[in-house]
Protein backbone atom coordinates (compact mmCIF):
# COMPACT_ATOMS: atom_id res chain seq x y z
CA UNK A 1 53.82 -2.93 39.51
CA UNK A 2 52.11 -0.43 37.44
CA UNK A 3 54.23 2.21 36.19
CA UNK A 4 53.41 5.92 35.63
CA UNK A 5 53.45 5.52 31.96
CA UNK A 6 50.73 2.90 32.17
CA UNK A 7 48.33 5.43 34.04
CA UNK A 8 48.81 8.13 31.44
CA UNK A 9 47.05 5.99 28.80
CA UNK A 10 43.41 6.46 28.39
CA UNK A 11 41.41 4.28 30.48
CA UNK A 12 39.82 2.15 27.77
CA UNK A 13 43.06 1.70 25.76
CA UNK A 14 44.55 0.33 28.87
CA UNK A 15 41.86 -2.13 29.30
CA UNK A 16 42.16 -3.14 25.78
CA UNK A 17 46.10 -3.33 25.60
CA UNK A 18 47.22 -4.34 29.19
CA UNK A 19 44.45 -5.97 31.35
CA UNK A 20 46.39 -6.60 34.29
CA UNK A 21 47.39 -2.87 34.36
CA UNK A 22 44.00 -1.86 33.96
CA UNK A 23 42.71 -3.86 36.95
CA UNK A 24 45.45 -2.25 38.89
CA UNK A 25 44.54 0.95 37.73
CA UNK A 26 40.89 0.55 38.73
CA UNK A 27 41.54 -0.81 41.89
CA UNK A 28 43.85 2.12 42.88
CA UNK A 29 40.87 4.53 41.64
CA UNK A 30 38.46 2.59 43.80
CA UNK A 31 40.98 2.54 46.74
CA UNK A 32 41.40 6.18 46.53
CA UNK A 33 37.67 6.96 45.59
CA UNK A 34 38.60 8.61 42.60
CA UNK A 35 35.24 8.19 40.69
CA UNK A 36 36.26 10.17 37.55
CA UNK A 37 39.09 7.81 36.98
CA UNK A 38 37.19 4.68 36.87
CA UNK A 39 36.12 2.98 33.67
CA UNK A 40 32.43 2.23 34.55
CA UNK A 41 31.46 0.44 31.21
CA UNK A 42 34.37 -2.13 30.98
CA UNK A 43 33.87 -2.60 35.32
CA UNK A 44 30.49 -3.49 34.62
CA UNK A 45 31.16 -5.68 31.88
CA UNK A 46 33.80 -7.65 33.98
CA UNK A 47 31.40 -8.02 36.98
CA UNK A 48 28.84 -9.35 34.77
CA UNK A 49 31.56 -11.53 33.33
CA UNK A 50 32.33 -12.63 36.90
CA UNK A 51 29.02 -13.55 37.46
CA UNK A 52 28.48 -15.73 34.29
CA UNK A 53 31.73 -17.49 35.24
CA UNK A 54 30.31 -18.42 38.64
CA UNK A 55 27.10 -19.62 37.02
CA UNK A 56 29.07 -21.69 34.38
CA UNK A 57 31.18 -23.20 37.09
CA UNK A 58 28.03 -24.32 38.94
CA UNK A 59 26.52 -25.72 35.75
CA UNK A 60 29.55 -27.70 34.80
CA UNK A 61 30.01 -28.88 38.47
CA UNK A 62 26.40 -30.38 38.47
CA UNK A 63 26.54 -31.77 35.12
CA UNK A 64 29.70 -33.73 35.85
CA UNK A 65 28.20 -34.81 39.27
CA UNK A 66 25.00 -35.86 37.86
CA UNK A 67 26.81 -37.77 34.99
CA UNK A 68 28.74 -39.87 37.53
CA UNK A 69 25.73 -40.61 39.69
CA UNK A 70 23.73 -41.70 36.60
CA UNK A 71 26.57 -44.05 35.61
CA UNK A 72 26.88 -45.42 39.37
CA UNK A 73 23.25 -46.04 39.54
CA UNK A 74 22.76 -47.33 35.93
CA UNK A 75 26.09 -49.54 35.46
CA UNK A 76 26.65 -50.94 38.86
CA UNK A 77 29.03 -53.44 37.83
CA UNK A 78 31.59 -50.83 36.38
CA UNK A 79 31.55 -48.76 39.56
CA UNK A 80 35.00 -47.70 40.30
CA UNK A 81 37.25 -45.84 42.61
CA UNK A 82 37.67 -43.25 39.97
CA UNK A 83 33.79 -42.72 39.61
CA UNK A 84 33.63 -42.41 43.45
CA UNK A 85 36.39 -39.95 43.42
CA UNK A 86 34.91 -37.91 40.86
CA UNK A 87 31.35 -37.84 42.65
CA UNK A 88 33.28 -36.93 45.90
CA UNK A 89 35.25 -34.08 43.99
CA UNK A 90 32.51 -32.59 42.24
CA UNK A 91 30.54 -32.44 45.49
CA UNK A 92 33.46 -30.81 47.31
CA UNK A 93 33.90 -28.33 44.41
CA UNK A 94 29.92 -27.52 44.65
CA UNK A 95 30.23 -27.22 48.58
CA UNK A 96 33.29 -24.70 48.19
CA UNK A 97 31.78 -22.72 45.23
CA UNK A 98 28.28 -22.41 47.33
CA UNK A 99 30.06 -21.64 50.38
CA UNK A 100 31.74 -18.67 48.65
CA UNK A 101 28.68 -17.77 46.71
CA UNK A 102 25.51 -19.10 48.53
CA UNK A 103 23.25 -17.22 46.45
CA UNK A 104 24.21 -19.47 43.48
CA UNK A 105 22.35 -22.25 45.21
CA UNK A 106 19.02 -20.76 44.34
CA UNK A 107 19.87 -21.20 40.85
CA UNK A 108 20.30 -24.95 40.73
CA UNK A 109 16.62 -25.79 40.44
CA UNK A 110 16.55 -23.88 37.29
CA UNK A 111 19.81 -25.18 35.90
CA UNK A 112 18.75 -28.97 37.14
CA UNK A 113 16.85 -29.93 34.03
CA UNK A 114 19.61 -28.78 31.40
CA UNK A 115 22.31 -30.26 33.48
CA UNK A 116 20.28 -33.46 33.76
CA UNK A 117 19.63 -33.53 30.11
CA UNK A 118 23.38 -33.07 29.10
CA UNK A 119 24.39 -35.63 31.94
CA UNK A 120 21.99 -38.14 30.58
CA UNK A 121 23.01 -37.61 26.84
CA UNK A 122 26.82 -37.98 28.03
CA UNK A 123 26.28 -40.98 29.95
CA UNK A 124 24.44 -42.60 27.18
CA UNK A 125 27.31 -41.59 24.74
CA UNK A 126 29.65 -43.26 27.45
CA UNK A 127 27.97 -46.23 28.55
CA UNK A 128 26.34 -47.16 25.33
CA UNK A 129 23.13 -47.43 26.97
CA UNK A 130 20.09 -46.09 25.29
CA UNK A 131 18.99 -42.85 26.35
CA UNK A 132 15.56 -44.17 27.16
CA UNK A 133 17.36 -45.80 30.03
CA UNK A 134 17.32 -42.62 31.98
CA UNK A 135 14.16 -41.05 33.37
CA UNK A 136 13.63 -37.61 31.56
CA UNK A 137 13.83 -35.77 34.45
CA UNK A 138 16.12 -35.89 37.53
CA UNK A 139 14.72 -38.27 40.04
CA UNK A 140 16.95 -36.84 42.89
CA UNK A 141 16.48 -34.29 45.50
CA UNK A 142 18.93 -31.55 45.28
CA UNK A 143 19.57 -31.49 49.15
CA UNK A 144 19.40 -34.80 50.40
CA UNK A 145 20.76 -36.70 47.45
CA UNK A 146 22.64 -34.75 44.84
CA UNK A 147 24.58 -32.52 47.27
CA UNK A 148 24.50 -35.18 50.17
CA UNK A 149 26.87 -37.82 51.02
CA UNK A 150 24.23 -40.06 49.23
CA UNK A 151 24.88 -42.91 46.71
CA UNK A 152 22.50 -44.21 44.22
CA UNK A 153 21.62 -47.97 44.79
């Protein structure tokens, strides 16, 4: 619970010293429509940071999913329940992330080339296959393969 003493601190000082107290203070100011009590600069910074976090989560799930799909296709003799579980979990995590923030989906085509590069690099390292084994760009469709219940042959 926020104390009266915490509210006495300057807003920016509270942001730097006690982030949770700052959040509670800002939420209360928003709830009561006290615009002059809002720490506009830090609220903006936090909102932008939240957006970056969502984008980073999307990029990370996409990279891990691609890496396991790559290994599934190019090392079929080593396919395992663990790889299948990772593929399923990453797809599920992406499904929920996109359900919560549907506008992230428009970023996938732009993120795909970098995610593919990272995934092929990691796959080459993990499998000892030469990087040239893998296509330079992702050969799979986002909607009908990567995010769908599709498995490489």
